[in-house]
Structures are given as structure tokens and as C-alpha cells.
Amino acid sequence: MRRLADALIDTIRVPDPADPEALFAALVDAVSAWRGRRVVVRREVFPPHTASGLWLEAETQDVVVVDQRAAVWHQIVIFCHEVWHMNRRDEDAGTAGAAVPAGAPRPVAARTDFSLA
């Protein structure tokens, strides 16, 4: 996790104190560079008591959807959570991904239940 944070944060240049929207944009740019592909952030309303973020891995880009009702600082946390899924999938690709034929659809993540607590 430290290596990922260093790789992303070291490239970010924003004034201190940072405007949260500027920081978010710089973080998205850093993740795009790290992934070597476009990363798009969409802000949408999620149904109550469900998820607050979602990562969709398309063929040429990543789409991260965050709950638009969350404060910007919280949206950054949600985005970073989804980036962690990207990182884990990349790290696991050497083992689990080797058995998947090139171009075949593969699950990125799945959730079948949400806690209402």
C-alpha cells in the first residue's frame, strides 16, 4: 500500500492548503498515469443503503463512479478505495489472471449483500 501511495502522491502538485476539487483532479491524473490509461470519474446518486463507489474496467479506460451526495473529501476516499481494487487486481493478475484467456470477460469485484448497520 505504501508503494502505491508513494507512486501516486509523489506526482501530485497542488497548493497547500489544497482545494479538494483540485486535489481530486490531480489524483485522477496520477492514477491515469499509473494505470497507463484514461481514468474517468462520474458522480452519480447511489440507492440508499448500497454502495458509495464502483470501479468499471473497460477495454481502454477505467470508470470510477462515486456517490455525488458525498462531500468531496469523502469522494476522494471512495475513489482511493476503488484504486486499491485496481492495485489488488493487478497484483493478483500474475496468478489468477494467468488462467483467463486474453480478451475474455472477467469479474473485477462482486458484492452480493450490503449491511444496513
PDB file of N, CA and C in Angstrom:
ATOM      1  N   MET A   1       0.829  -1.186   0.000  1.00  0.00           N
ATOM      2  CA  MET A   1       0.000   0.000   0.000  1.00  0.00           C
ATOM      3  C   MET A   1       0.876   1.254   0.000  1.00  0.00           C
ATOM      4  N   ARG A   2       1.966   1.204   0.747  1.00  0.00           N
ATOM      5  CA  ARG A   2       2.874   2.355   0.816  1.00  0.00           C
ATOM      6  C   ARG A   2       3.457   2.661  -0.560  1.00  0.00           C
ATOM      7  N   ARG A   3       3.865   1.620  -1.309  1.00  0.00           N
ATOM      8  CA  ARG A   3       4.423   1.840  -2.650  1.00  0.00           C
ATOM      9  C   ARG A   3       3.402   2.483  -3.571  1.00  0.00           C
ATOM     10  N   LEU A   4       2.159   2.027  -3.497  1.00  0.00           N
ATOM     11  CA  LEU A   4       1.109   2.614  -4.329  1.00  0.00           C
ATOM     12  C   LEU A   4       0.897   4.070  -3.956  1.00  0.00           C
ATOM     13  N   ALA A   5       0.776   4.351  -2.675  1.00  0.00           N
ATOM     14  CA  ALA A   5       0.573   5.738  -2.230  1.00  0.00           C
ATOM     15  C   ALA A   5       1.727   6.623  -2.676  1.00  0.00           C
ATOM     16  N   ASP A   6       2.951   6.143  -2.513  1.00  0.00           N
ATOM     17  CA  ASP A   6       4.110   6.932  -2.937  1.00  0.00           C
ATOM     18  C   ASP A   6       4.083   7.191  -4.435  1.00  0.00           C
ATOM     19  N   ALA A   7       3.760   6.166  -5.216  1.00  0.00           N
ATOM     20  CA  ALA A   7       3.732   6.316  -6.673  1.00  0.00           C
ATOM     21  C   ALA A   7       2.705   7.351  -7.111  1.00  0.00           C
ATOM     22  N   LEU A   8       1.585   7.405  -6.426  1.00  0.00           N
ATOM     23  CA  LEU A   8       0.525   8.344  -6.808  1.00  0.00           C
ATOM     24  C   LEU A   8       0.768   9.735  -6.241  1.00  0.00           C
ATOM     25  N   ILE A   9       1.110   9.807  -4.983  1.00  0.00           N
ATOM     26  CA  ILE A   9       1.215  11.099  -4.301  1.00  0.00           C
ATOM     27  C   ILE A   9       2.438  11.886  -4.745  1.00  0.00           C
ATOM     28  N   ASP A  10       3.539  11.196  -5.028  1.00  0.00           N
ATOM     29  CA  ASP A  10       4.770  11.898  -5.402  1.00  0.00           C
ATOM     30  C   ASP A  10       4.609  12.760  -6.647  1.00  0.00           C
ATOM     31  N   THR A  11       3.666  12.424  -7.513  1.00  0.00           N
ATOM     32  CA  THR A  11       3.488  13.173  -8.763  1.00  0.00           C
ATOM     33  C   THR A  11       2.515  14.342  -8.633  1.00  0.00           C
ATOM     34  N   ILE A  12       1.809  14.428  -7.528  1.00  0.00           N
ATOM     35  CA  ILE A  12       0.767  15.450  -7.368  1.00  0.00           C
ATOM     36  C   ILE A  12       1.378  16.772  -6.930  1.00  0.00           C
ATOM     37  N   ARG A  13       1.006  17.829  -7.629  1.00  0.00           N
ATOM     38  CA  ARG A  13       1.458  19.182  -7.291  1.00  0.00           C
ATOM     39  C   ARG A  13       0.233  20.084  -7.181  1.00  0.00           C
ATOM     40  N   VAL A  14      -0.173  20.367  -5.958  1.00  0.00           N
ATOM     41  CA  VAL A  14      -1.283  21.288  -5.700  1.00  0.00           C
ATOM     42  C   VAL A  14      -0.856  22.232  -4.584  1.00  0.00           C
ATOM     43  N   PRO A  15      -1.450  23.432  -4.539  1.00  0.00           N
ATOM     44  CA  PRO A  15      -1.098  24.364  -3.461  1.00  0.00           C
ATOM     45  C   PRO A  15      -1.485  23.797  -2.098  1.00  0.00           C
ATOM     46  N   ASP A  16      -0.805  24.266  -1.081  1.00  0.00           N
ATOM     47  CA  ASP A  16      -1.107  23.869   0.293  1.00  0.00           C
ATOM     48  C   ASP A  16      -1.602  25.099   1.038  1.00  0.00           C
ATOM     49  N   PRO A  17      -2.814  25.113   1.568  1.00  0.00           N
ATOM     50  CA  PRO A  17      -3.784  24.024   1.618  1.00  0.00           C
ATOM     51  C   PRO A  17      -4.416  23.797   0.242  1.00  0.00           C
ATOM     52  N   ALA A  18      -4.752  22.562  -0.019  1.00  0.00           N
ATOM     53  CA  ALA A  18      -5.285  22.179  -1.327  1.00  0.00           C
ATOM     54  C   ALA A  18      -6.793  22.345  -1.379  1.00  0.00           C
ATOM     55  N   ASP A  19      -7.256  22.867  -2.496  1.00  0.00           N
ATOM     56  CA  ASP A  19      -8.685  22.852  -2.790  1.00  0.00           C
ATOM     57  C   ASP A  19      -9.051  21.388  -3.059  1.00  0.00           C
ATOM     58  N   PRO A  20     -10.096  20.859  -2.418  1.00  0.00           N
ATOM     59  CA  PRO A  20     -10.393  19.434  -2.580  1.00  0.00           C
ATOM     60  C   PRO A  20     -10.665  19.031  -4.029  1.00  0.00           C
ATOM     61  N   GLU A  21     -11.318  19.887  -4.806  1.00  0.00           N
ATOM     62  CA  GLU A  21     -11.584  19.545  -6.210  1.00  0.00           C
ATOM     63  C   GLU A  21     -10.284  19.489  -7.008  1.00  0.00           C
ATOM     64  N   ALA A  22      -9.361  20.415  -6.739  1.00  0.00           N
ATOM     65  CA  ALA A  22      -8.067  20.407  -7.431  1.00  0.00           C
ATOM     66  C   ALA A  22      -7.265  19.165  -7.046  1.00  0.00           C
ATOM     67  N   LEU A  23      -7.311  18.812  -5.775  1.00  0.00           N
ATOM     68  CA  LEU A  23      -6.618  17.614  -5.316  1.00  0.00           C
ATOM     69  C   LEU A  23      -7.211  16.369  -5.970  1.00  0.00           C
ATOM     70  N   PHE A  24      -8.535  16.307  -6.035  1.00  0.00           N
ATOM     71  CA  PHE A  24      -9.211  15.166  -6.654  1.00  0.00           C
ATOM     72  C   PHE A  24      -8.786  15.040  -8.120  1.00  0.00           C
ATOM     73  N   ALA A  25      -8.803  16.156  -8.851  1.00  0.00           N
ATOM     74  CA  ALA A  25      -8.413  16.139 -10.264  1.00  0.00           C
ATOM     75  C   ALA A  25      -6.962  15.688 -10.430  1.00  0.00           C
ATOM     76  N   ALA A  26      -6.081  16.175  -9.568  1.00  0.00           N
ATOM     77  CA  ALA A  26      -4.668  15.788  -9.643  1.00  0.00           C
ATOM     78  C   ALA A  26      -4.494  14.307  -9.323  1.00  0.00           C
ATOM     79  N   LEU A  27      -5.275  13.805  -8.379  1.00  0.00           N
ATOM     80  CA  LEU A  27      -5.210  12.392  -8.027  1.00  0.00           C
ATOM     81  C   LEU A  27      -5.689  11.523  -9.189  1.00  0.00           C
ATOM     82  N   VAL A  28      -6.761  11.942  -9.844  1.00  0.00           N
ATOM     83  CA  VAL A  28      -7.261  11.202 -11.010  1.00  0.00           C
ATOM     84  C   VAL A  28      -6.189  11.173 -12.102  1.00  0.00           C
ATOM     85  N   ASP A  29      -5.532  12.305 -12.336  1.00  0.00           N
ATOM     86  CA  ASP A  29      -4.449  12.352 -13.329  1.00  0.00           C
ATOM     87  C   ASP A  29      -3.312  11.404 -12.946  1.00  0.00           C
ATOM     88  N   ALA A  30      -2.970  11.374 -11.664  1.00  0.00           N
ATOM     89  CA  ALA A  30      -1.896  10.493 -11.196  1.00  0.00           C
ATOM     90  C   ALA A  30      -2.268   9.026 -11.391  1.00  0.00           C
ATOM     91  N   VAL A  31      -3.518   8.688 -11.115  1.00  0.00           N
ATOM     92  CA  VAL A  31      -3.965   7.307 -11.297  1.00  0.00           C
ATOM     93  C   VAL A  31      -3.970   6.952 -12.785  1.00  0.00           C
ATOM     94  N   SER A  32      -4.384   7.880 -13.635  1.00  0.00           N
ATOM     95  CA  SER A  32      -4.353   7.636 -15.086  1.00  0.00           C
ATOM     96  C   SER A  32      -2.932   7.326 -15.550  1.00  0.00           C
ATOM     97  N   ALA A  33      -1.973   8.102 -15.073  1.00  0.00           N
ATOM     98  CA  ALA A  33      -0.574   7.874 -15.450  1.00  0.00           C
ATOM     99  C   ALA A  33      -0.091   6.518 -14.920  1.00  0.00           C
ATOM    100  N   TRP A  34      -0.443   6.197 -13.684  1.00  0.00           N
ATOM    101  CA  TRP A  34      -0.047   4.929 -13.080  1.00  0.00           C
ATOM    102  C   TRP A  34      -0.645   3.740 -13.833  1.00  0.00           C
ATOM    103  N   ARG A  35      -1.916   3.870 -14.229  1.00  0.00           N
ATOM    104  CA  ARG A  35      -2.595   2.790 -14.941  1.00  0.00           C
ATOM    105  C   ARG A  35      -2.186   2.725 -16.412  1.00  0.00           C
ATOM    106  N   GLY A  36      -1.683   3.846 -16.942  1.00  0.00           N
ATOM    107  CA  GLY A  36      -1.332   3.886 -18.355  1.00  0.00           C
ATOM    108  C   GLY A  36      -2.548   3.926 -19.253  1.00  0.00           C
ATOM    109  N   ARG A  37      -3.632   4.470 -18.734  1.00  0.00           N
ATOM    110  CA  ARG A  37      -4.894   4.554 -19.479  1.00  0.00           C
ATOM    111  C   ARG A  37      -5.761   5.631 -18.855  1.00  0.00           C
ATOM    112  N   ARG A  38      -6.759   6.057 -19.548  1.00  0.00           N
ATOM    113  CA  ARG A  38      -7.658   7.101 -19.064  1.00  0.00           C
ATOM    114  C   ARG A  38      -8.483   6.580 -17.888  1.00  0.00           C
ATOM    115  N   VAL A  39      -8.616   7.421 -16.886  1.00  0.00           N
ATOM    116  CA  VAL A  39      -9.494   7.135 -15.749  1.00  0.00           C
ATOM    117  C   VAL A  39     -10.546   8.234 -15.715  1.00  0.00           C
ATOM    118  N   VAL A  40     -11.796   7.829 -15.766  1.00  0.00           N
ATOM    119  CA  VAL A  40     -12.921   8.757 -15.778  1.00  0.00           C
ATOM    120  C   VAL A  40     -13.651   8.638 -14.449  1.00  0.00           C
ATOM    121  N   VAL A  41     -13.972   9.767 -13.848  1.00  0.00           N
ATOM    122  CA  VAL A  41     -14.759   9.770 -12.615  1.00  0.00           C
ATOM    123  C   VAL A  41     -16.141  10.311 -12.937  1.00  0.00           C
ATOM    124  N   ARG A  42     -17.133   9.559 -12.526  1.00  0.00           N
ATOM    125  CA  ARG A  42     -18.523  10.013 -12.659  1.00  0.00           C
ATOM    126  C   ARG A  42     -19.103  10.139 -11.263  1.00  0.00           C
ATOM    127  N   ARG A  43     -19.854  11.189 -11.071  1.00  0.00           N
ATOM    128  CA  ARG A  43     -20.554  11.388  -9.798  1.00  0.00           C
ATOM    129  C   ARG A  43     -22.033  11.112 -10.048  1.00  0.00           C
ATOM    130  N   GLU A  44     -22.534  10.098  -9.374  1.00  0.00           N
ATOM    131  CA  GLU A  44     -23.922   9.664  -9.540  1.00  0.00           C
ATOM    132  C   GLU A  44     -24.530   9.417  -8.167  1.00  0.00           C
ATOM    133  N   VAL A  45     -25.847   9.371  -8.118  1.00  0.00           N
ATOM    134  CA  VAL A  45     -26.553   9.056  -6.875  1.00  0.00           C
ATOM    135  C   VAL A  45     -26.724   7.542  -6.791  1.00  0.00           C
ATOM    136  N   PHE A  46     -26.254   6.969  -5.700  1.00  0.00           N
ATOM    137  CA  PHE A  46     -26.431   5.542  -5.457  1.00  0.00           C
ATOM    138  C   PHE A  46     -27.705   5.342  -4.640  1.00  0.00           C
ATOM    139  N   PRO A  47     -28.380   4.213  -4.809  1.00  0.00           N
ATOM    140  CA  PRO A  47     -29.553   3.938  -3.982  1.00  0.00           C
ATOM    141  C   PRO A  47     -29.162   3.901  -2.503  1.00  0.00           C
ATOM    142  N   PRO A  48     -30.082   4.294  -1.630  1.00  0.00           N
ATOM    143  CA  PRO A  48     -29.784   4.277  -0.193  1.00  0.00           C
ATOM    144  C   PRO A  48     -29.361   2.882   0.282  1.00  0.00           C
ATOM    145  N   HIS A  49     -28.446   2.864   1.229  1.00  0.00           N
ATOM    146  CA  HIS A  49     -28.004   1.633   1.894  1.00  0.00           C
ATOM    147  C   HIS A  49     -27.338   0.648   0.932  1.00  0.00           C
ATOM    148  N   THR A  50     -26.694   1.169  -0.094  1.00  0.00           N
ATOM    149  CA  THR A  50     -25.952   0.291  -1.003  1.00  0.00           C
ATOM    150  C   THR A  50     -24.502   0.752  -1.021  1.00  0.00           C
ATOM    151  N   ALA A  51     -23.906   0.772  -2.176  1.00  0.00           N
ATOM    152  CA  ALA A  51     -22.503   1.161  -2.319  1.00  0.00           C
ATOM    153  C   ALA A  51     -22.368   2.674  -2.374  1.00  0.00           C
ATOM    154  N   SER A  52     -21.136   3.139  -2.232  1.00  0.00           N
ATOM    155  CA  SER A  52     -20.850   4.565  -2.419  1.00  0.00           C
ATOM    156  C   SER A  52     -19.830   4.757  -3.534  1.00  0.00           C
ATOM    157  N   GLY A  53     -19.321   3.649  -4.067  1.00  0.00           N
ATOM    158  CA  GLY A  53     -18.360   3.725  -5.153  1.00  0.00           C
ATOM    159  C   GLY A  53     -18.350   2.448  -5.961  1.00  0.00           C
ATOM    160  N   LEU A  54     -17.832   2.565  -7.185  1.00  0.00           N
ATOM    161  CA  LEU A  54     -17.834   1.438  -8.103  1.00  0.00           C
ATOM    162  C   LEU A  54     -16.730   1.644  -9.124  1.00  0.00           C
ATOM    163  N   TRP A  55     -15.975   0.602  -9.426  1.00  0.00           N
ATOM    164  CA  TRP A  55     -14.946   0.654 -10.464  1.00  0.00           C
ATOM    165  C   TRP A  55     -15.370  -0.244 -11.609  1.00  0.00           C
ATOM    166  N   LEU A  56     -15.371   0.303 -12.807  1.00  0.00           N
ATOM    167  CA  LEU A  56     -15.670  -0.454 -14.017  1.00  0.00           C
ATOM    168  C   LEU A  56     -14.427  -0.436 -14.894  1.00  0.00           C
ATOM    169  N   GLU A  57     -13.897  -1.602 -15.199  1.00  0.00           N
ATOM    170  CA  GLU A  57     -12.717  -1.700 -16.049  1.00  0.00           C
ATOM    171  C   GLU A  57     -13.170  -1.988 -17.470  1.00  0.00           C
ATOM    172  N   ALA A  58     -13.086  -0.981 -18.323  1.00  0.00           N
ATOM    173  CA  ALA A  58     -13.427  -1.151 -19.727  1.00  0.00           C
ATOM    174  C   ALA A  58     -12.160  -1.521 -20.493  1.00  0.00           C
ATOM    175  N   GLU A  59     -12.303  -1.770 -21.782  1.00  0.00           N
ATOM    176  CA  GLU A  59     -11.153  -2.203 -22.574  1.00  0.00           C
ATOM    177  C   GLU A  59     -10.074  -1.131 -22.670  1.00  0.00           C
ATOM    178  N   THR A  60     -10.484   0.139 -22.781  1.00  0.00           N
ATOM    179  CA  THR A  60      -9.498   1.207 -22.996  1.00  0.00           C
ATOM    180  C   THR A  60      -9.439   2.233 -21.877  1.00  0.00           C
ATOM    181  N   GLN A  61     -10.307   2.119 -20.898  1.00  0.00           N
ATOM    182  CA  GLN A  61     -10.326   3.097 -19.812  1.00  0.00           C
ATOM    183  C   GLN A  61     -10.935   2.485 -18.565  1.00  0.00           C
ATOM    184  N   ASP A  62     -10.694   3.145 -17.444  1.00  0.00           N
ATOM    185  CA  ASP A  62     -11.335   2.790 -16.182  1.00  0.00           C
ATOM    186  C   ASP A  62     -12.369   3.857 -15.871  1.00  0.00           C
ATOM    187  N   VAL A  63     -13.509   3.440 -15.367  1.00  0.00           N
ATOM    188  CA  VAL A  63     -14.541   4.372 -14.925  1.00  0.00           C
ATOM    189  C   VAL A  63     -14.757   4.125 -13.439  1.00  0.00           C
ATOM    190  N   VAL A  64     -14.640   5.184 -12.662  1.00  0.00           N
ATOM    191  CA  VAL A  64     -14.904   5.098 -11.228  1.00  0.00           C
ATOM    192  C   VAL A  64     -16.109   5.980 -10.953  1.00  0.00           C
ATOM    193  N   VAL A  65     -17.130   5.387 -10.369  1.00  0.00           N
ATOM    194  CA  VAL A  65     -18.349   6.113 -10.031  1.00  0.00           C
ATOM    195  C   VAL A  65     -18.353   6.318  -8.526  1.00  0.00           C
ATOM    196  N   VAL A  66     -18.550   7.567  -8.105  1.00  0.00           N
ATOM    197  CA  VAL A  66     -18.629   7.889  -6.680  1.00  0.00           C
ATOM    198  C   VAL A  66     -19.973   8.546  -6.408  1.00  0.00           C
ATOM    199  N   ASP A  67     -20.448   8.390  -5.191  1.00  0.00           N
ATOM    200  CA  ASP A  67     -21.743   8.965  -4.823  1.00  0.00           C
ATOM    201  C   ASP A  67     -21.641  10.484  -4.798  1.00  0.00           C
ATOM    202  N   GLN A  68     -22.443  11.132  -5.617  1.00  0.00           N
ATOM    203  CA  GLN A  68     -22.376  12.591  -5.716  1.00  0.00           C
ATOM    204  C   GLN A  68     -22.856  13.290  -4.456  1.00  0.00           C
ATOM    205  N   ARG A  69     -23.586  12.578  -3.592  1.00  0.00           N
ATOM    206  CA  ARG A  69     -24.055  13.209  -2.355  1.00  0.00           C
ATOM    207  C   ARG A  69     -22.970  13.275  -1.291  1.00  0.00           C
ATOM    208  N   ALA A  70     -21.900  12.532  -1.477  1.00  0.00           N
ATOM    209  CA  ALA A  70     -20.799  12.555  -0.503  1.00  0.00           C
ATOM    210  C   ALA A  70     -20.030  13.865  -0.639  1.00  0.00           C
ATOM    211  N   ALA A  71     -19.478  14.336   0.467  1.00  0.00           N
ATOM    212  CA  ALA A  71     -18.608  15.511   0.429  1.00  0.00           C
ATOM    213  C   ALA A  71     -17.388  15.181  -0.429  1.00  0.00           C
ATOM    214  N   VAL A  72     -16.771  16.195  -1.008  1.00  0.00           N
ATOM    215  CA  VAL A  72     -15.635  15.964  -1.906  1.00  0.00           C
ATOM    216  C   VAL A  72     -14.527  15.171  -1.218  1.00  0.00           C
ATOM    217  N   TRP A  73     -14.222  15.500   0.036  1.00  0.00           N
ATOM    218  CA  TRP A  73     -13.181  14.747   0.745  1.00  0.00           C
ATOM    219  C   TRP A  73     -13.563  13.271   0.854  1.00  0.00           C
ATOM    220  N   HIS A  74     -14.835  12.995   1.073  1.00  0.00           N
ATOM    221  CA  HIS A  74     -15.292  11.602   1.142  1.00  0.00           C
ATOM    222  C   HIS A  74     -15.219  10.958  -0.242  1.00  0.00           C
ATOM    223  N   GLN A  75     -15.544  11.713  -1.295  1.00  0.00           N
ATOM    224  CA  GLN A  75     -15.429  11.182  -2.655  1.00  0.00           C
ATOM    225  C   GLN A  75     -13.987  10.772  -2.960  1.00  0.00           C
ATOM    226  N   ILE A  76     -13.033  11.542  -2.450  1.00  0.00           N
ATOM    227  CA  ILE A  76     -11.619  11.192  -2.634  1.00  0.00           C
ATOM    228  C   ILE A  76     -11.317   9.858  -1.956  1.00  0.00           C
ATOM    229  N   VAL A  77     -11.843   9.666  -0.759  1.00  0.00           N
ATOM    230  CA  VAL A  77     -11.642   8.400  -0.041  1.00  0.00           C
ATOM    231  C   VAL A  77     -12.282   7.253  -0.821  1.00  0.00           C
ATOM    232  N   ILE A  78     -13.491   7.461  -1.322  1.00  0.00           N
ATOM    233  CA  ILE A  78     -14.180   6.437  -2.115  1.00  0.00           C
ATOM    234  C   ILE A  78     -13.352   6.100  -3.354  1.00  0.00           C
ATOM    235  N   PHE A  79     -12.868   7.129  -4.044  1.00  0.00           N
ATOM    236  CA  PHE A  79     -12.045   6.934  -5.237  1.00  0.00           C
ATOM    237  C   PHE A  79     -10.799   6.112  -4.891  1.00  0.00           C
ATOM    238  N   CYS A  80     -10.140   6.471  -3.813  1.00  0.00           N
ATOM    239  CA  CYS A  80      -8.925   5.751  -3.408  1.00  0.00           C
ATOM    240  C   CYS A  80      -9.228   4.293  -3.068  1.00  0.00           C
ATOM    241  N   HIS A  81     -10.382   4.040  -2.493  1.00  0.00           N
ATOM    242  CA  HIS A  81     -10.791   2.659  -2.213  1.00  0.00           C
ATOM    243  C   HIS A  81     -10.891   1.870  -3.520  1.00  0.00           C
ATOM    244  N   GLU A  82     -11.479   2.479  -4.540  1.00  0.00           N
ATOM    245  CA  GLU A  82     -11.607   1.805  -5.835  1.00  0.00           C
ATOM    246  C   GLU A  82     -10.238   1.621  -6.488  1.00  0.00           C
ATOM    247  N   VAL A  83      -9.340   2.591  -6.316  1.00  0.00           N
ATOM    248  CA  VAL A  83      -7.976   2.460  -6.838  1.00  0.00           C
ATOM    249  C   VAL A  83      -7.276   1.276  -6.166  1.00  0.00           C
ATOM    250  N   TRP A  84      -7.550   1.066  -4.890  1.00  0.00           N
ATOM    251  CA  TRP A  84      -6.962  -0.076  -4.205  1.00  0.00           C
ATOM    252  C   TRP A  84      -7.420  -1.385  -4.853  1.00  0.00           C
ATOM    253  N   HIS A  85      -8.689  -1.452  -5.278  1.00  0.00           N
ATOM    254  CA  HIS A  85      -9.154  -2.642  -6.002  1.00  0.00           C
ATOM    255  C   HIS A  85      -8.356  -2.825  -7.294  1.00  0.00           C
ATOM    256  N   MET A  86      -8.089  -1.723  -8.003  1.00  0.00           N
ATOM    257  CA  MET A  86      -7.277  -1.802  -9.225  1.00  0.00           C
ATOM    258  C   MET A  86      -5.907  -2.380  -8.899  1.00  0.00           C
ATOM    259  N   ASN A  87      -5.308  -1.884  -7.849  1.00  0.00           N
ATOM    260  CA  ASN A  87      -3.978  -2.331  -7.440  1.00  0.00           C
ATOM    261  C   ASN A  87      -3.987  -3.814  -7.084  1.00  0.00           C
ATOM    262  N   ARG A  88      -4.966  -4.242  -6.326  1.00  0.00           N
ATOM    263  CA  ARG A  88      -5.047  -5.648  -5.920  1.00  0.00           C
ATOM    264  C   ARG A  88      -5.262  -6.536  -7.135  1.00  0.00           C
ATOM    265  N   ARG A  89      -6.110  -6.124  -8.042  1.00  0.00           N
ATOM    266  CA  ARG A  89      -6.356  -6.924  -9.241  1.00  0.00           C
ATOM    267  C   ARG A  89      -5.075  -7.050 -10.055  1.00  0.00           C
ATOM    268  N   ASP A  90      -4.324  -5.954 -10.173  1.00  0.00           N
ATOM    269  CA  ASP A  90      -3.065  -6.000 -10.909  1.00  0.00           C
ATOM    270  C   ASP A  90      -2.069  -6.935 -10.230  1.00  0.00           C
ATOM    271  N   GLU A  91      -1.993  -6.885  -8.901  1.00  0.00           N
ATOM    272  CA  GLU A  91      -1.064  -7.754  -8.172  1.00  0.00           C
ATOM    273  C   GLU A  91      -1.464  -9.219  -8.273  1.00  0.00           C
ATOM    274  N   ASP A  92      -2.768  -9.484  -8.278  1.00  0.00           N
ATOM    275  CA  ASP A  92      -3.253 -10.859  -8.345  1.00  0.00           C
ATOM    276  C   ASP A  92      -3.245 -11.413  -9.764  1.00  0.00           C
ATOM    277  N   ALA A  93      -3.071 -10.561 -10.774  1.00  0.00           N
ATOM    278  CA  ALA A  93      -3.145 -10.993 -12.169  1.00  0.00           C
ATOM    279  C   ALA A  93      -2.069 -12.020 -12.507  1.00  0.00           C
ATOM    280  N   GLY A  94      -0.966 -11.985 -11.802  1.00  0.00           N
ATOM    281  CA  GLY A  94       0.104 -12.939 -12.066  1.00  0.00           C
ATOM    282  C   GLY A  94      -0.279 -14.369 -11.754  1.00  0.00           C
ATOM    283  N   THR A  95      -1.272 -14.560 -10.888  1.00  0.00           N
ATOM    284  CA  THR A  95      -1.678 -15.919 -10.535  1.00  0.00           C
ATOM    285  C   THR A  95      -3.048 -16.232 -11.107  1.00  0.00           C
ATOM    286  N   ALA A  96      -4.067 -15.572 -10.621  1.00  0.00           N
ATOM    287  CA  ALA A  96      -5.430 -15.872 -11.067  1.00  0.00           C
ATOM    288  C   ALA A  96      -5.646 -15.467 -12.515  1.00  0.00           C
ATOM    289  N   GLY A  97      -5.086 -14.336 -12.932  1.00  0.00           N
ATOM    290  CA  GLY A  97      -5.317 -13.847 -14.285  1.00  0.00           C
ATOM    291  C   GLY A  97      -4.662 -14.695 -15.351  1.00  0.00           C
ATOM    292  N   ALA A  98      -3.675 -15.499 -14.999  1.00  0.00           N
ATOM    293  CA  ALA A  98      -2.963 -16.299 -15.987  1.00  0.00           C
ATOM    294  C   ALA A  98      -3.858 -17.350 -16.624  1.00  0.00           C
ATOM    295  N   ALA A  99      -4.887 -17.797 -15.913  1.00  0.00           N
ATOM    296  CA  ALA A  99      -5.764 -18.833 -16.431  1.00  0.00           C
ATOM    297  C   ALA A  99      -6.882 -18.274 -17.304  1.00  0.00           C
ATOM    298  N   VAL A 100      -7.027 -16.957 -17.386  1.00  0.00           N
ATOM    299  CA  VAL A 100      -8.102 -16.332 -18.152  1.00  0.00           C
ATOM    300  C   VAL A 100      -7.600 -16.043 -19.559  1.00  0.00           C
ATOM    301  N   PRO A 101      -8.278 -16.548 -20.600  1.00  0.00           N
ATOM    302  CA  PRO A 101      -7.845 -16.267 -21.972  1.00  0.00           C
ATOM    303  C   PRO A 101      -7.881 -14.770 -22.266  1.00  0.00           C
ATOM    304  N   ALA A 102      -6.964 -14.309 -23.097  1.00  0.00           N
ATOM    305  CA  ALA A 102      -6.910 -12.890 -23.464  1.00  0.00           C
ATOM    306  C   ALA A 102      -8.231 -12.456 -24.068  1.00  0.00           C
ATOM    307  N   GLY A 103      -8.725 -11.321 -23.639  1.00  0.00           N
ATOM    308  CA  GLY A 103      -9.968 -10.768 -24.160  1.00  0.00           C
ATOM    309  C   GLY A 103     -11.229 -11.324 -23.529  1.00  0.00           C
ATOM    310  N   ALA A 104     -11.104 -12.354 -22.712  1.00  0.00           N
ATOM    311  CA  ALA A 104     -12.283 -12.942 -22.077  1.00  0.00           C
ATOM    312  C   ALA A 104     -12.778 -12.029 -20.967  1.00  0.00           C
ATOM    313  N   PRO A 105     -14.096 -11.916 -20.809  1.00  0.00           N
ATOM    314  CA  PRO A 105     -14.602 -11.109 -19.692  1.00  0.00           C
ATOM    315  C   PRO A 105     -14.182 -11.740 -18.374  1.00  0.00           C
ATOM    316  N   ARG A 106     -13.916 -10.894 -17.405  1.00  0.00           N
ATOM    317  CA  ARG A 106     -13.539 -11.404 -16.091  1.00  0.00           C
ATOM    318  C   ARG A 106     -14.151 -10.515 -15.021  1.00  0.00           C
ATOM    319  N   PRO A 107     -14.539 -11.107 -13.911  1.00  0.00           N
ATOM    320  CA  PRO A 107     -15.074 -10.278 -12.834  1.00  0.00           C
ATOM    321  C   PRO A 107     -13.974  -9.431 -12.222  1.00  0.00           C
ATOM    322  N   VAL A 108     -14.334  -8.211 -11.856  1.00  0.00           N
ATOM    323  CA  VAL A 108     -13.402  -7.328 -11.168  1.00  0.00           C
ATOM    324  C   VAL A 108     -13.655  -7.424  -9.682  1.00  0.00           C
ATOM    325  N   ALA A 109     -14.908  -7.318  -9.305  1.00  0.00           N
ATOM    326  CA  ALA A 109     -15.297  -7.446  -7.909  1.00  0.00           C
ATOM    327  C   ALA A 109     -16.776  -7.775  -7.886  1.00  0.00           C
ATOM    328  N   ALA A 110     -17.210  -8.371  -6.826  1.00  0.00           N
ATOM    329  CA  ALA A 110     -18.622  -8.697  -6.706  1.00  0.00           C
ATOM    330  C   ALA A 110     -19.059  -8.507  -5.267  1.00  0.00           C
ATOM    331  N   ARG A 111     -20.242  -8.024  -5.125  1.00  0.00           N
ATOM    332  CA  ARG A 111     -20.827  -7.893  -3.798  1.00  0.00           C
ATOM    333  C   ARG A 111     -22.255  -8.390  -3.915  1.00  0.00           C
ATOM    334  N   THR A 112     -22.651  -9.227  -3.004  1.00  0.00           N
ATOM    335  CA  THR A 112     -23.994  -9.779  -3.062  1.00  0.00           C
ATOM    336  C   THR A 112     -24.867  -9.309  -1.918  1.00  0.00           C
ATOM    337  N   ASP A 113     -24.294  -8.559  -0.974  1.00  0.00           N
ATOM    338  CA  ASP A 113     -25.059  -8.131   0.184  1.00  0.00           C
ATOM    339  C   ASP A 113     -24.484  -6.822   0.710  1.00  0.00           C
ATOM    340  N   PHE A 114     -25.338  -6.006   1.289  1.00  0.00           N
ATOM    341  CA  PHE A 114     -24.918  -4.762   1.912  1.00  0.00           C
ATOM    342  C   PHE A 114     -25.435  -4.736   3.334  1.00  0.00           C
ATOM    343  N   SER A 115     -24.600  -4.323   4.244  1.00  0.00           N
ATOM    344  CA  SER A 115     -25.004  -4.202   5.630  1.00  0.00           C
ATOM    345  C   SER A 115     -25.763  -2.898   5.818  1.00  0.00           C
ATOM    346  N   LEU A 116     -26.872  -2.959   6.484  1.00  0.00           N
ATOM    347  CA  LEU A 116     -27.652  -1.760   6.775  1.00  0.00           C
ATOM    348  C   LEU A 116     -27.300  -1.197   8.136  1.00  0.00           C
ATOM    349  N   ALA A 117     -26.364  -1.817   8.830  1.00  0.00           N
ATOM    350  CA  ALA A 117     -25.973  -1.366  10.167  1.00  0.00           C
ATOM    351  C   ALA A 117     -25.109  -0.132  10.092  1.00  0.00           C
TER     352      ALA A 117
END
